């Protein structure tokens, strides 16, 4: 009889360890999912920021080109 109670106790310990490991794994999974979501949002914002920068830069460069192509006015004396 004593052998079976020791075995039951060991089984309970194994179950508790497994439950603890499962709980830790679930918590780690939640953190990983949250990190992935935030990284995706960051990548989207980065892409939008790069697009804005390139658009502004292109506009400024085109304005410089247009300015360079305009005939220069000379002061008459």
PDB file of N, CA and C in Angstrom:
ATOM      1  N   UNK A   1       0.810  -1.187   0.000  1.00  0.00           N
ATOM      2  CA  UNK A   1       0.000   0.000   0.000  1.00  0.00           C
ATOM      3  C   UNK A   1       0.858   1.256   0.000  1.00  0.00           C
ATOM      4  N   UNK A   2       1.957   1.217   0.778  1.00  0.00           N
ATOM      5  CA  UNK A   2       2.799   2.399   0.846  1.00  0.00           C
ATOM      6  C   UNK A   2       3.403   2.721  -0.511  1.00  0.00           C
ATOM      7  N   UNK A   3       3.723   1.726  -1.277  1.00  0.00           N
ATOM      8  CA  UNK A   3       4.301   1.923  -2.601  1.00  0.00           C
ATOM      9  C   UNK A   3       3.355   2.679  -3.509  1.00  0.00           C
ATOM     10  N   UNK A   4       2.081   2.405  -3.413  1.00  0.00           N
ATOM     11  CA  UNK A   4       1.123   3.080  -4.279  1.00  0.00           C
ATOM     12  C   UNK A   4       0.936   4.542  -3.884  1.00  0.00           C
ATOM     13  N   UNK A   5       1.021   4.875  -2.602  1.00  0.00           N
ATOM     14  CA  UNK A   5       0.905   6.276  -2.201  1.00  0.00           C
ATOM     15  C   UNK A   5       2.133   7.057  -2.623  1.00  0.00           C
ATOM     16  N   UNK A   6       3.292   6.419  -2.562  1.00  0.00           N
ATOM     17  CA  UNK A   6       4.511   7.088  -3.024  1.00  0.00           C
ATOM     18  C   UNK A   6       4.413   7.312  -4.521  1.00  0.00           C
ATOM     19  N   UNK A   7       3.896   6.365  -5.227  1.00  0.00           N
ATOM     20  CA  UNK A   7       3.735   6.502  -6.667  1.00  0.00           C
ATOM     21  C   UNK A   7       2.721   7.593  -6.984  1.00  0.00           C
ATOM     22  N   UNK A   8       1.655   7.656  -6.244  1.00  0.00           N
ATOM     23  CA  UNK A   8       0.656   8.710  -6.452  1.00  0.00           C
ATOM     24  C   UNK A   8       1.267  10.082  -6.175  1.00  0.00           C
ATOM     25  N   UNK A   9       2.076  10.149  -5.125  1.00  0.00           N
ATOM     26  CA  UNK A   9       2.735  11.410  -4.792  1.00  0.00           C
ATOM     27  C   UNK A   9       3.680  11.817  -5.919  1.00  0.00           C
ATOM     28  N   UNK A  10       4.420  10.860  -6.443  1.00  0.00           N
ATOM     29  CA  UNK A  10       5.339  11.153  -7.561  1.00  0.00           C
ATOM     30  C   UNK A  10       4.548  11.602  -8.782  1.00  0.00           C
ATOM     31  N   UNK A  11       3.438  10.943  -9.005  1.00  0.00           N
ATOM     32  CA  UNK A  11       2.595  11.315 -10.143  1.00  0.00           C
ATOM     33  C   UNK A  11       2.079  12.732  -9.976  1.00  0.00           C
ATOM     34  N   UNK A  12       1.654  13.092  -8.783  1.00  0.00           N
ATOM     35  CA  UNK A  12       1.168  14.449  -8.514  1.00  0.00           C
ATOM     36  C   UNK A  12       2.283  15.468  -8.756  1.00  0.00           C
ATOM     37  N   UNK A  13       3.496  15.109  -8.314  1.00  0.00           N
ATOM     38  CA  UNK A  13       4.632  16.014  -8.521  1.00  0.00           C
ATOM     39  C   UNK A  13       4.927  16.195 -10.006  1.00  0.00           C
ATOM     40  N   UNK A  14       4.883  15.089 -10.738  1.00  0.00           N
ATOM     41  CA  UNK A  14       5.121  15.168 -12.189  1.00  0.00           C
ATOM     42  C   UNK A  14       4.050  16.007 -12.870  1.00  0.00           C
ATOM     43  N   UNK A  15       2.813  15.833 -12.440  1.00  0.00           N
ATOM     44  CA  UNK A  15       1.717  16.607 -13.018  1.00  0.00           C
ATOM     45  C   UNK A  15       1.895  18.084 -12.687  1.00  0.00           C
ATOM     46  N   UNK A  16       2.291  18.383 -11.448  1.00  0.00           N
ATOM     47  CA  UNK A  16       2.508  19.777 -11.052  1.00  0.00           C
ATOM     48  C   UNK A  16       3.653  20.382 -11.857  1.00  0.00           C
ATOM     49  N   UNK A  17       4.720  19.612 -12.058  1.00  0.00           N
ATOM     50  CA  UNK A  17       5.853  20.104 -12.864  1.00  0.00           C
ATOM     51  C   UNK A  17       5.425  20.361 -14.304  1.00  0.00           C
ATOM     52  N   UNK A  18       4.644  19.426 -14.851  1.00  0.00           N
ATOM     53  CA  UNK A  18       4.171  19.590 -16.228  1.00  0.00           C
ATOM     54  C   UNK A  18       3.256  20.805 -16.346  1.00  0.00           C
ATOM     55  N   UNK A  19       2.391  20.990 -15.361  1.00  0.00           N
ATOM     56  CA  UNK A  19       1.486  22.142 -15.374  1.00  0.00           C
ATOM     57  C   UNK A  19       2.279  23.437 -15.280  1.00  0.00           C
ATOM     58  N   UNK A  20       3.315  23.430 -14.461  1.00  0.00           N
ATOM     59  CA  UNK A  20       4.162  24.618 -14.326  1.00  0.00           C
ATOM     60  C   UNK A  20       4.889  24.917 -15.633  1.00  0.00           C
ATOM     61  N   UNK A  21       5.440  23.868 -16.246  1.00  0.00           N
ATOM     62  CA  UNK A  21       6.141  24.041 -17.523  1.00  0.00           C
ATOM     63  C   UNK A  21       5.176  24.547 -18.595  1.00  0.00           C
ATOM     64  N   UNK A  22       3.970  24.008 -18.607  1.00  0.00           N
ATOM     65  CA  UNK A  22       2.960  24.443 -19.576  1.00  0.00           C
ATOM     66  C   UNK A  22       2.600  25.907 -19.356  1.00  0.00           C
ATOM     67  N   UNK A  23       2.454  26.288 -18.105  1.00  0.00           N
ATOM     68  CA  UNK A  23       2.134  27.682 -17.783  1.00  0.00           C
ATOM     69  C   UNK A  23       3.247  28.614 -18.253  1.00  0.00           C
ATOM     70  N   UNK A  24       4.501  28.222 -18.010  1.00  0.00           N
ATOM     71  CA  UNK A  24       5.638  29.028 -18.461  1.00  0.00           C
ATOM     72  C   UNK A  24       5.677  29.126 -19.983  1.00  0.00           C
ATOM     73  N   UNK A  25       5.403  28.014 -20.654  1.00  0.00           N
ATOM     74  CA  UNK A  25       5.411  28.005 -22.117  1.00  0.00           C
ATOM     75  C   UNK A  25       4.322  28.920 -22.671  1.00  0.00           C
ATOM     76  N   UNK A  26       3.156  28.903 -22.046  1.00  0.00           N
ATOM     77  CA  UNK A  26       2.057  29.766 -22.493  1.00  0.00           C
ATOM     78  C   UNK A  26       2.420  31.239 -22.305  1.00  0.00           C
ATOM     79  N   UNK A  27       3.048  31.545 -21.172  1.00  0.00           N
ATOM     80  CA  UNK A  27       3.457  32.933 -20.915  1.00  0.00           C
ATOM     81  C   UNK A  27       4.498  33.374 -21.936  1.00  0.00           C
ATOM     82  N   UNK A  28       5.443  32.496 -22.239  1.00  0.00           N
ATOM     83  CA  UNK A  28       6.472  32.819 -23.231  1.00  0.00           C
ATOM     84  C   UNK A  28       5.857  33.002 -24.614  1.00  0.00           C
ATOM     85  N   UNK A  29       4.887  32.175 -24.933  1.00  0.00           N
ATOM     86  CA  UNK A  29       4.196  32.297 -26.217  1.00  0.00           C
ATOM     87  C   UNK A  29       3.463  33.629 -26.312  1.00  0.00           C
ATOM     88  N   UNK A  30       2.823  34.046 -25.225  1.00  0.00           N
ATOM     89  CA  UNK A  30       2.107  35.320 -25.228  1.00  0.00           C
ATOM     90  C   UNK A  30       3.081  36.477 -25.454  1.00  0.00           C
ATOM     91  N   UNK A  31       4.233  36.426 -24.790  1.00  0.00           N
ATOM     92  CA  UNK A  31       5.235  37.478 -24.960  1.00  0.00           C
ATOM     93  C   UNK A  31       5.751  37.486 -26.400  1.00  0.00           C
ATOM     94  N   UNK A  32       5.997  36.312 -26.942  1.00  0.00           N
ATOM     95  CA  UNK A  32       6.507  36.206 -28.311  1.00  0.00           C
ATOM     96  C   UNK A  32       5.494  36.750 -29.315  1.00  0.00           C
ATOM     97  N   UNK A  33       4.238  36.428 -29.113  1.00  0.00           N
ATOM     98  CA  UNK A  33       3.194  36.937 -30.021  1.00  0.00           C
ATOM     99  C   UNK A  33       3.105  38.460 -29.943  1.00  0.00           C
ATOM    100  N   UNK A  34       3.164  38.996 -28.723  1.00  0.00           N
ATOM    101  CA  UNK A  34       3.094  40.440 -28.544  1.00  0.00           C
ATOM    102  C   UNK A  34       4.282  41.114 -29.225  1.00  0.00           C
ATOM    103  N   UNK A  35       5.485  40.537 -29.050  1.00  0.00           N
ATOM    104  CA  UNK A  35       6.678  41.083 -29.691  1.00  0.00           C
ATOM    105  C   UNK A  35       6.518  41.071 -31.208  1.00  0.00           C
ATOM    106  N   UNK A  36       5.991  39.983 -31.738  1.00  0.00           N
ATOM    107  CA  UNK A  36       5.799  39.870 -33.187  1.00  0.00           C
ATOM    108  C   UNK A  36       4.822  40.940 -33.686  1.00  0.00           C
ATOM    109  N   UNK A  37       3.723  41.141 -32.960  1.00  0.00           N
ATOM    110  CA  UNK A  37       2.749  42.168 -33.352  1.00  0.00           C
ATOM    111  C   UNK A  37       3.395  43.550 -33.353  1.00  0.00           C
ATOM    112  N   UNK A  38       4.169  43.839 -32.312  1.00  0.00           N
ATOM    113  CA  UNK A  38       4.813  45.150 -32.220  1.00  0.00           C
ATOM    114  C   UNK A  38       5.862  45.336 -33.310  1.00  0.00           C
ATOM    115  N   UNK A  39       6.590  44.272 -33.640  1.00  0.00           N
ATOM    116  CA  UNK A  39       7.586  44.368 -34.711  1.00  0.00           C
ATOM    117  C   UNK A  39       6.916  44.607 -36.060  1.00  0.00           C
ATOM    118  N   UNK A  40       5.776  43.980 -36.272  1.00  0.00           N
ATOM    119  CA  UNK A  40       5.033  44.189 -37.523  1.00  0.00           C
ATOM    120  C   UNK A  40       4.568  45.640 -37.610  1.00  0.00           C
ATOM    121  N   UNK A  41       4.025  46.162 -36.504  1.00  0.00           N
ATOM    122  CA  UNK A  41       3.576  47.568 -36.494  1.00  0.00           C
ATOM    123  C   UNK A  41       4.756  48.506 -36.737  1.00  0.00           C
ATOM    124  N   UNK A  42       5.897  48.202 -36.111  1.00  0.00           N
ATOM    125  CA  UNK A  42       7.079  49.040 -36.294  1.00  0.00           C
ATOM    126  C   UNK A  42       7.519  49.020 -37.759  1.00  0.00           C
ATOM    127  N   UNK A  43       7.501  47.844 -38.386  1.00  0.00           N
ATOM    128  CA  UNK A  43       7.910  47.740 -39.786  1.00  0.00           C
ATOM    129  C   UNK A  43       6.965  48.546 -40.682  1.00  0.00           C
ATOM    130  N   UNK A  44       5.668  48.506 -40.375  1.00  0.00           N
ATOM    131  CA  UNK A  44       4.706  49.276 -41.162  1.00  0.00           C
ATOM    132  C   UNK A  44       4.957  50.775 -41.010  1.00  0.00           C
ATOM    133  N   UNK A  45       5.199  51.219 -39.765  1.00  0.00           N
ATOM    134  CA  UNK A  45       5.474  52.643 -39.537  1.00  0.00           C
ATOM    135  C   UNK A  45       6.786  53.058 -40.201  1.00  0.00           C
ATOM    136  N   UNK A  46       7.776  52.179 -40.166  1.00  0.00           N
ATOM    137  CA  UNK A  46       9.066  52.467 -40.795  1.00  0.00           C
ATOM    138  C   UNK A  46       8.887  52.623 -42.300  1.00  0.00           C
ATOM    139  N   UNK A  47       8.122  51.719 -42.885  1.00  0.00           N
ATOM    140  CA  UNK A  47       7.875  51.784 -44.332  1.00  0.00           C
ATOM    141  C   UNK A  47       7.183  53.094 -44.707  1.00  0.00           C
ATOM    142  N   UNK A  48       6.205  53.500 -43.898  1.00  0.00           N
ATOM    143  CA  UNK A  48       5.493  54.757 -44.161  1.00  0.00           C
ATOM    144  C   UNK A  48       6.437  55.951 -44.001  1.00  0.00           C
ATOM    145  N   UNK A  49       7.293  55.909 -42.982  1.00  0.00           N
ATOM    146  CA  UNK A  49       8.233  57.016 -42.756  1.00  0.00           C
ATOM    147  C   UNK A  49       9.235  57.120 -43.904  1.00  0.00           C
ATOM    148  N   UNK A  50       9.725  55.986 -44.375  1.00  0.00           N
ATOM    149  CA  UNK A  50      10.671  55.990 -45.495  1.00  0.00           C
ATOM    150  C   UNK A  50       9.990  56.543 -46.742  1.00  0.00           C
ATOM    151  N   UNK A  51       8.751  56.132 -46.977  1.00  0.00           N
ATOM    152  CA  UNK A  51       8.015  56.629 -48.150  1.00  0.00           C
ATOM    153  C   UNK A  51       7.833  58.148 -48.067  1.00  0.00           C
ATOM    154  N   UNK A  52       7.477  58.650 -46.872  1.00  0.00           N
ATOM    155  CA  UNK A  52       7.324  60.102 -46.704  1.00  0.00           C
ATOM    156  C   UNK A  52       8.649  60.816 -46.961  1.00  0.00           C
ATOM    157  N   UNK A  53       9.715  60.278 -46.394  1.00  0.00           N
ATOM    158  CA  UNK A  53      11.024  60.910 -46.573  1.00  0.00           C
ATOM    159  C   UNK A  53      11.407  60.959 -48.048  1.00  0.00           C
ATOM    160  N   UNK A  54      11.249  59.845 -48.745  1.00  0.00           N
ATOM    161  CA  UNK A  54      11.625  59.783 -50.153  1.00  0.00           C
ATOM    162  C   UNK A  54      10.773  60.754 -50.966  1.00  0.00           C
ATOM    163  N   UNK A  55       9.504  60.846 -50.639  1.00  0.00           N
ATOM    164  CA  UNK A  55       8.616  61.762 -51.356  1.00  0.00           C
ATOM    165  C   UNK A  55       9.057  63.216 -51.144  1.00  0.00           C
ATOM    166  N   UNK A  56       9.331  63.580 -49.886  1.00  0.00           N
ATOM    167  CA  UNK A  56       9.785  64.942 -49.590  1.00  0.00           C
ATOM    168  C   UNK A  56      11.130  65.230 -50.253  1.00  0.00           C
ATOM    169  N   UNK A  57      12.037  64.293 -50.153  1.00  0.00           N
ATOM    170  CA  UNK A  57      13.376  64.465 -50.725  1.00  0.00           C
ATOM    171  C   UNK A  57      13.289  64.633 -52.243  1.00  0.00           C
ATOM    172  N   UNK A  58      12.462  63.799 -52.879  1.00  0.00           N
ATOM    173  CA  UNK A  58      12.299  63.884 -54.332  1.00  0.00           C
ATOM    174  C   UNK A  58      11.734  65.242 -54.724  1.00  0.00           C
ATOM    175  N   UNK A  59      10.739  65.719 -53.973  1.00  0.00           N
ATOM    176  CA  UNK A  59      10.141  67.017 -54.264  1.00  0.00           C
ATOM    177  C   UNK A  59      11.198  68.123 -54.162  1.00  0.00           C
ATOM    178  N   UNK A  60      12.020  68.079 -53.126  1.00  0.00           N
ATOM    179  CA  UNK A  60      13.061  69.098 -52.952  1.00  0.00           C
ATOM    180  C   UNK A  60      14.097  69.026 -54.065  1.00  0.00           C
ATOM    181  N   UNK A  61      14.497  67.828 -54.411  1.00  0.00           N
ATOM    182  CA  UNK A  61      15.485  67.675 -55.479  1.00  0.00           C
ATOM    183  C   UNK A  61      14.932  68.149 -56.824  1.00  0.00           C
ATOM    184  N   UNK A  62      13.669  67.864 -57.097  1.00  0.00           N
ATOM    185  CA  UNK A  62      13.043  68.322 -58.341  1.00  0.00           C
ATOM    186  C   UNK A  62      12.971  69.847 -58.355  1.00  0.00           C
ATOM    187  N   UNK A  63      12.695  70.442 -57.214  1.00  0.00           N
ATOM    188  CA  UNK A  63      12.651  71.909 -57.137  1.00  0.00           C
ATOM    189  C   UNK A  63      14.043  72.484 -57.425  1.00  0.00           C
ATOM    190  N   UNK A  64      15.080  71.842 -56.918  1.00  0.00           N
ATOM    191  CA  UNK A  64      16.452  72.293 -57.195  1.00  0.00           C
ATOM    192  C   UNK A  64      16.760  72.187 -58.686  1.00  0.00           C
ATOM    193  N   UNK A  65      16.326  71.096 -59.292  1.00  0.00           N
ATOM    194  CA  UNK A  65      16.561  70.905 -60.728  1.00  0.00           C
ATOM    195  C   UNK A  65      15.828  71.978 -61.526  1.00  0.00           C
ATOM    196  N   UNK A  66      14.567  72.217 -61.184  1.00  0.00           N
ATOM    197  CA  UNK A  66      13.789  73.238 -61.879  1.00  0.00           C
ATOM    198  C   UNK A  66      14.434  74.612 -61.716  1.00  0.00           C
ATOM    199  N   UNK A  67      14.913  74.897 -60.528  1.00  0.00           N
ATOM    200  CA  UNK A  67      15.564  76.175 -60.280  1.00  0.00           C
ATOM    201  C   UNK A  67      16.840  76.302 -61.112  1.00  0.00           C
ATOM    202  N   UNK A  68      17.588  75.224 -61.220  1.00  0.00           N
ATOM    203  CA  UNK A  68      18.834  75.245 -61.986  1.00  0.00           C
ATOM    204  C   UNK A  68      18.558  75.418 -63.481  1.00  0.00           C
ATOM    205  N   UNK A  69      17.419  74.942 -63.949  1.00  0.00           N
ATOM    206  CA  UNK A  69      17.094  75.029 -65.368  1.00  0.00           C
ATOM    207  C   UNK A  69      16.519  76.386 -65.774  1.00  0.00           C
ATOM    208  N   UNK A  70      16.041  77.156 -64.817  1.00  0.00           N
ATOM    209  CA  UNK A  70      15.471  78.472 -65.145  1.00  0.00           C
ATOM    210  C   UNK A  70      16.595  79.392 -65.613  1.00  0.00           C
ATOM    211  N   UNK A  71      16.288  80.190 -66.616  1.00  0.00           N
ATOM    212  CA  UNK A  71      17.321  81.135 -67.060  1.00  0.00           C
ATOM    213  C   UNK A  71      17.581  82.161 -65.962  1.00  0.00           C
ATOM    214  N   UNK A  72      18.834  82.499 -65.801  1.00  0.00           N
ATOM    215  CA  UNK A  72      19.198  83.449 -64.750  1.00  0.00           C
ATOM    216  C   UNK A  72      18.995  84.858 -65.260  1.00  0.00           C
ATOM    217  N   UNK A  73      18.462  85.688 -64.425  1.00  0.00           N
ATOM    218  CA  UNK A  73      18.278  87.089 -64.809  1.00  0.00           C
ATOM    219  C   UNK A  73      19.557  87.858 -64.490  1.00  0.00           C
ATOM    220  N   UNK A  74      19.921  88.712 -65.434  1.00  0.00           N
ATOM    221  CA  UNK A  74      21.136  89.529 -65.230  1.00  0.00           C
ATOM    222  C   UNK A  74      20.724  90.944 -64.888  1.00  0.00           C
ATOM    223  N   UNK A  75      21.472  91.515 -64.008  1.00  0.00           N
ATOM    224  CA  UNK A  75      21.206  92.908 -63.660  1.00  0.00           C
ATOM    225  C   UNK A  75      21.794  93.804 -64.761  1.00  0.00           C
ATOM    226  N   UNK A  76      20.956  94.658 -65.272  1.00  0.00           N
ATOM    227  CA  UNK A  76      21.458  95.597 -66.301  1.00  0.00           C
ATOM    228  C   UNK A  76      21.919  96.870 -65.629  1.00  0.00           C
ATOM    229  N   UNK A  77      23.017  97.391 -66.077  1.00  0.00           N
ATOM    230  CA  UNK A  77      23.532  98.620 -65.480  1.00  0.00           C
ATOM    231  C   UNK A  77      23.269  99.796 -66.372  1.00  0.00           C
TER     232      UNK A  77
END
